[in-house]
Amino acid sequence: MDAIQVIQLLMTHPDYSVDAVHPDIPDFVGIETIEVDHETQTFSILLQGPKEED
């Protein structure tokens, strides 16, 4: 399952909502972490950007 599918799945969760997706990168390559707050029933998604060339 790719990152877009995971984000779409989380956004349609019946009991939880997506609170934030960070950072706002249009060319992200994956999901670095997903934080779950059970008190507020929200997900926060940290996206992984492309590796920067030195």
PDB file of N, CA and C in Angstrom:
ATOM      1  N   MET A   1       0.859  -1.169   0.000  1.00  0.00           N
ATOM      2  CA  MET A   1       0.000   0.000   0.000  1.00  0.00           C
ATOM      3  C   MET A   1       0.909   1.238   0.000  1.00  0.00           C
ATOM      4  N   ASP A   2       0.674   2.157  -0.915  1.00  0.00           N
ATOM      5  CA  ASP A   2       1.530   3.345  -0.953  1.00  0.00           C
ATOM      6  C   ASP A   2       1.005   4.438  -0.025  1.00  0.00           C
ATOM      7  N   ALA A   3       1.787   5.486   0.141  1.00  0.00           N
ATOM      8  CA  ALA A   3       1.481   6.545   1.115  1.00  0.00           C
ATOM      9  C   ALA A   3       0.141   7.214   0.853  1.00  0.00           C
ATOM     10  N   ILE A   4      -0.164   7.473  -0.401  1.00  0.00           N
ATOM     11  CA  ILE A   4      -1.449   8.122  -0.733  1.00  0.00           C
ATOM     12  C   ILE A   4      -2.613   7.264  -0.275  1.00  0.00           C
ATOM     13  N   GLN A   5      -2.526   5.956  -0.474  1.00  0.00           N
ATOM     14  CA  GLN A   5      -3.592   5.053  -0.056  1.00  0.00           C
ATOM     15  C   GLN A   5      -3.743   5.046   1.464  1.00  0.00           C
ATOM     16  N   VAL A   6      -2.626   5.091   2.182  1.00  0.00           N
ATOM     17  CA  VAL A   6      -2.678   5.109   3.649  1.00  0.00           C
ATOM     18  C   VAL A   6      -3.354   6.400   4.126  1.00  0.00           C
ATOM     19  N   ILE A   7      -2.966   7.534   3.538  1.00  0.00           N
ATOM     20  CA  ILE A   7      -3.571   8.812   3.928  1.00  0.00           C
ATOM     21  C   ILE A   7      -5.067   8.809   3.627  1.00  0.00           C
ATOM     22  N   GLN A   8      -5.454   8.303   2.460  1.00  0.00           N
ATOM     23  CA  GLN A   8      -6.879   8.225   2.116  1.00  0.00           C
ATOM     24  C   GLN A   8      -7.635   7.328   3.085  1.00  0.00           C
ATOM     25  N   LEU A   9      -7.022   6.220   3.474  1.00  0.00           N
ATOM     26  CA  LEU A   9      -7.653   5.306   4.425  1.00  0.00           C
ATOM     27  C   LEU A   9      -7.853   5.988   5.778  1.00  0.00           C
ATOM     28  N   LEU A  10      -6.819   6.695   6.250  1.00  0.00           N
ATOM     29  CA  LEU A  10      -6.936   7.391   7.529  1.00  0.00           C
ATOM     30  C   LEU A  10      -8.000   8.491   7.470  1.00  0.00           C
ATOM     31  N   MET A  11      -8.110   9.171   6.332  1.00  0.00           N
ATOM     32  CA  MET A  11      -9.075  10.263   6.205  1.00  0.00           C
ATOM     33  C   MET A  11     -10.517   9.767   6.196  1.00  0.00           C
ATOM     34  N   THR A  12     -10.709   8.493   5.903  1.00  0.00           N
ATOM     35  CA  THR A  12     -12.075   7.953   5.888  1.00  0.00           C
ATOM     36  C   THR A  12     -12.385   7.119   7.134  1.00  0.00           C
ATOM     37  N   HIS A  13     -11.500   7.166   8.131  1.00  0.00           N
ATOM     38  CA  HIS A  13     -11.732   6.401   9.362  1.00  0.00           C
ATOM     39  C   HIS A  13     -13.031   6.878  10.006  1.00  0.00           C
ATOM     40  N   PRO A  14     -13.899   5.965  10.422  1.00  0.00           N
ATOM     41  CA  PRO A  14     -15.207   6.375  10.954  1.00  0.00           C
ATOM     42  C   PRO A  14     -15.146   7.076  12.317  1.00  0.00           C
ATOM     43  N   ASP A  15     -14.121   6.811  13.117  1.00  0.00           N
ATOM     44  CA  ASP A  15     -14.080   7.370  14.469  1.00  0.00           C
ATOM     45  C   ASP A  15     -13.007   8.421  14.668  1.00  0.00           C
ATOM     46  N   TYR A  16     -11.994   8.441  13.834  1.00  0.00           N
ATOM     47  CA  TYR A  16     -10.868   9.362  13.977  1.00  0.00           C
ATOM     48  C   TYR A  16     -10.813  10.294  12.770  1.00  0.00           C
ATOM     49  N   SER A  17     -10.181  11.464  12.955  1.00  0.00           N
ATOM     50  CA  SER A  17     -10.003  12.379  11.824  1.00  0.00           C
ATOM     51  C   SER A  17      -8.525  12.726  11.692  1.00  0.00           C
ATOM     52  N   VAL A  18      -8.159  13.222  10.525  1.00  0.00           N
ATOM     53  CA  VAL A  18      -6.786  13.655  10.295  1.00  0.00           C
ATOM     54  C   VAL A  18      -6.691  15.109  10.723  1.00  0.00           C
ATOM     55  N   ASP A  19      -5.853  15.361  11.722  1.00  0.00           N
ATOM     56  CA  ASP A  19      -5.688  16.704  12.276  1.00  0.00           C
ATOM     57  C   ASP A  19      -4.716  17.524  11.445  1.00  0.00           C
ATOM     58  N   ALA A  20      -3.634  16.906  11.008  1.00  0.00           N
ATOM     59  CA  ALA A  20      -2.608  17.648  10.286  1.00  0.00           C
ATOM     60  C   ALA A  20      -1.776  16.715   9.432  1.00  0.00           C
ATOM     61  N   VAL A  21      -1.312  17.272   8.312  1.00  0.00           N
ATOM     62  CA  VAL A  21      -0.349  16.590   7.453  1.00  0.00           C
ATOM     63  C   VAL A  21       0.813  17.551   7.301  1.00  0.00           C
ATOM     64  N   HIS A  22       1.993  17.139   7.765  1.00  0.00           N
ATOM     65  CA  HIS A  22       3.172  18.013   7.755  1.00  0.00           C
ATOM     66  C   HIS A  22       4.320  17.351   7.030  1.00  0.00           C
ATOM     67  N   PRO A  23       5.222  18.027   6.473  1.00  0.00           N
ATOM     68  CA  PRO A  23       5.022  19.393   5.961  1.00  0.00           C
ATOM     69  C   PRO A  23       4.253  19.335   4.654  1.00  0.00           C
ATOM     70  N   ASP A  24       3.885  20.462   4.148  1.00  0.00           N
ATOM     71  CA  ASP A  24       3.108  20.539   2.915  1.00  0.00           C
ATOM     72  C   ASP A  24       4.062  20.440   1.720  1.00  0.00           C
ATOM     73  N   ILE A  25       4.477  19.207   1.397  1.00  0.00           N
ATOM     74  CA  ILE A  25       5.399  19.012   0.274  1.00  0.00           C
ATOM     75  C   ILE A  25       4.668  18.257  -0.832  1.00  0.00           C
ATOM     76  N   PRO A  26       4.592  18.869  -2.005  1.00  0.00           N
ATOM     77  CA  PRO A  26       3.859  18.204  -3.090  1.00  0.00           C
ATOM     78  C   PRO A  26       4.577  16.967  -3.633  1.00  0.00           C
ATOM     79  N   ASP A  27       5.891  16.885  -3.439  1.00  0.00           N
ATOM     80  CA  ASP A  27       6.633  15.753  -4.004  1.00  0.00           C
ATOM     81  C   ASP A  27       7.138  14.803  -2.919  1.00  0.00           C
ATOM     82  N   PHE A  28       6.308  14.572  -1.897  1.00  0.00           N
ATOM     83  CA  PHE A  28       6.725  13.680  -0.825  1.00  0.00           C
ATOM     84  C   PHE A  28       6.908  12.266  -1.348  1.00  0.00           C
ATOM     85  N   VAL A  29       7.763  11.511  -0.673  1.00  0.00           N
ATOM     86  CA  VAL A  29       8.058  10.150  -1.128  1.00  0.00           C
ATOM     87  C   VAL A  29       7.482   9.076  -0.219  1.00  0.00           C
ATOM     88  N   GLY A  30       6.995   9.471   0.931  1.00  0.00           N
ATOM     89  CA  GLY A  30       6.437   8.485   1.843  1.00  0.00           C
ATOM     90  C   GLY A  30       5.962   9.126   3.131  1.00  0.00           C
ATOM     91  N   ILE A  31       5.607   8.290   4.066  1.00  0.00           N
ATOM     92  CA  ILE A  31       5.162   8.735   5.384  1.00  0.00           C
ATOM     93  C   ILE A  31       6.273   8.422   6.371  1.00  0.00           C
ATOM     94  N   GLU A  32       6.727   9.452   7.087  1.00  0.00           N
ATOM     95  CA  GLU A  32       7.777   9.240   8.082  1.00  0.00           C
ATOM     96  C   GLU A  32       7.179   8.706   9.380  1.00  0.00           C
ATOM     97  N   THR A  33       6.138   9.367   9.884  1.00  0.00           N
ATOM     98  CA  THR A  33       5.467   8.892  11.099  1.00  0.00           C
ATOM     99  C   THR A  33       3.989   9.243  11.057  1.00  0.00           C
ATOM    100  N   ILE A  34       3.222   8.481  11.791  1.00  0.00           N
ATOM    101  CA  ILE A  34       1.808   8.773  12.015  1.00  0.00           C
ATOM    102  C   ILE A  34       1.614   8.787  13.524  1.00  0.00           C
ATOM    103  N   GLU A  35       1.188   9.940  14.049  1.00  0.00           N
ATOM    104  CA  GLU A  35       0.917  10.056  15.482  1.00  0.00           C
ATOM    105  C   GLU A  35      -0.586   9.925  15.686  1.00  0.00           C
ATOM    106  N   VAL A  36      -0.961   9.179  16.713  1.00  0.00           N
ATOM    107  CA  VAL A  36      -2.366   8.977  17.021  1.00  0.00           C
ATOM    108  C   VAL A  36      -2.643   9.544  18.411  1.00  0.00           C
ATOM    109  N   ASP A  37      -3.611  10.441  18.495  1.00  0.00           N
ATOM    110  CA  ASP A  37      -4.030  10.995  19.784  1.00  0.00           C
ATOM    111  C   ASP A  37      -5.392  10.390  20.103  1.00  0.00           C
ATOM    112  N   HIS A  38      -5.403   9.457  21.046  1.00  0.00           N
ATOM    113  CA  HIS A  38      -6.644   8.753  21.370  1.00  0.00           C
ATOM    114  C   HIS A  38      -7.618   9.636  22.139  1.00  0.00           C
ATOM    115  N   GLU A  39      -7.119  10.646  22.847  1.00  0.00           N
ATOM    116  CA  GLU A  39      -8.006  11.564  23.575  1.00  0.00           C
ATOM    117  C   GLU A  39      -8.858  12.384  22.617  1.00  0.00           C
ATOM    118  N   THR A  40      -8.210  12.940  21.584  1.00  0.00           N
ATOM    119  CA  THR A  40      -8.940  13.783  20.636  1.00  0.00           C
ATOM    120  C   THR A  40      -9.379  13.010  19.394  1.00  0.00           C
ATOM    121  N   GLN A  41      -8.987  11.751  19.319  1.00  0.00           N
ATOM    122  CA  GLN A  41      -9.309  10.870  18.195  1.00  0.00           C
ATOM    123  C   GLN A  41      -8.860  11.479  16.869  1.00  0.00           C
ATOM    124  N   THR A  42      -7.575  11.849  16.833  1.00  0.00           N
ATOM    125  CA  THR A  42      -7.019  12.442  15.617  1.00  0.00           C
ATOM    126  C   THR A  42      -5.695  11.783  15.227  1.00  0.00           C
ATOM    127  N   PHE A  43      -5.398  11.862  13.940  1.00  0.00           N
ATOM    128  CA  PHE A  43      -4.122  11.431  13.399  1.00  0.00           C
ATOM    129  C   PHE A  43      -3.344  12.673  12.964  1.00  0.00           C
ATOM    130  N   SER A  44      -2.034  12.665  13.161  1.00  0.00           N
ATOM    131  CA  SER A  44      -1.140  13.660  12.579  1.00  0.00           C
ATOM    132  C   SER A  44      -0.128  12.890  11.748  1.00  0.00           C
ATOM    133  N   ILE A  45       0.042  13.298  10.502  1.00  0.00           N
ATOM    134  CA  ILE A  45       0.886  12.565   9.570  1.00  0.00           C
ATOM    135  C   ILE A  45       2.089  13.424   9.210  1.00  0.00           C
ATOM    136  N   LEU A  46       3.284  12.880   9.422  1.00  0.00           N
ATOM    137  CA  LEU A  46       4.527  13.567   9.036  1.00  0.00           C
ATOM    138  C   LEU A  46       5.024  12.932   7.754  1.00  0.00           C
ATOM    139  N   LEU A  47       5.092  13.743   6.696  1.00  0.00           N
ATOM    140  CA  LEU A  47       5.497  13.233   5.395  1.00  0.00           C
ATOM    141  C   LEU A  47       7.009  13.237   5.247  1.00  0.00           C
ATOM    142  N   GLN A  48       7.511  12.340   4.435  1.00  0.00           N
ATOM    143  CA  GLN A  48       8.938  12.236   4.161  1.00  0.00           C
ATOM    144  C   GLN A  48       9.194  12.818   2.773  1.00  0.00           C
ATOM    145  N   GLY A  49      10.039  13.836   2.723  1.00  0.00           N
ATOM    146  CA  GLY A  49      10.375  14.469   1.453  1.00  0.00           C
ATOM    147  C   GLY A  49      11.476  13.709   0.744  1.00  0.00           C
ATOM    148  N   PRO A  50      11.723  14.085  -0.497  1.00  0.00           N
ATOM    149  CA  PRO A  50      12.816  13.440  -1.236  1.00  0.00           C
ATOM    150  C   PRO A  50      14.151  13.773  -0.601  1.00  0.00           C
ATOM    151  N   LYS A  51      15.089  12.862  -0.688  1.00  0.00           N
ATOM    152  CA  LYS A  51      16.418  13.089  -0.114  1.00  0.00           C
ATOM    153  C   LYS A  51      17.111  14.197  -0.887  1.00  0.00           C
ATOM    154  N   GLU A  52      17.689  15.126  -0.137  1.00  0.00           N
ATOM    155  CA  GLU A  52      18.388  16.240  -0.770  1.00  0.00           C
ATOM    156  C   GLU A  52      19.799  15.811  -1.121  1.00  0.00           C
ATOM    157  N   GLU A  53      20.198  16.154  -2.317  1.00  0.00           N
ATOM    158  CA  GLU A  53      21.556  15.849  -2.778  1.00  0.00           C
ATOM    159  C   GLU A  53      22.512  16.886  -2.217  1.00  0.00           C
ATOM    160  N   ASP A  54      23.672  16.454  -1.723  1.00  0.00           N
ATOM    161  CA  ASP A  54      24.658  17.395  -1.197  1.00  0.00           C
ATOM    162  C   ASP A  54      25.509  17.983  -2.286  1.00  0.00           C
TER     163      ASP A  54
END
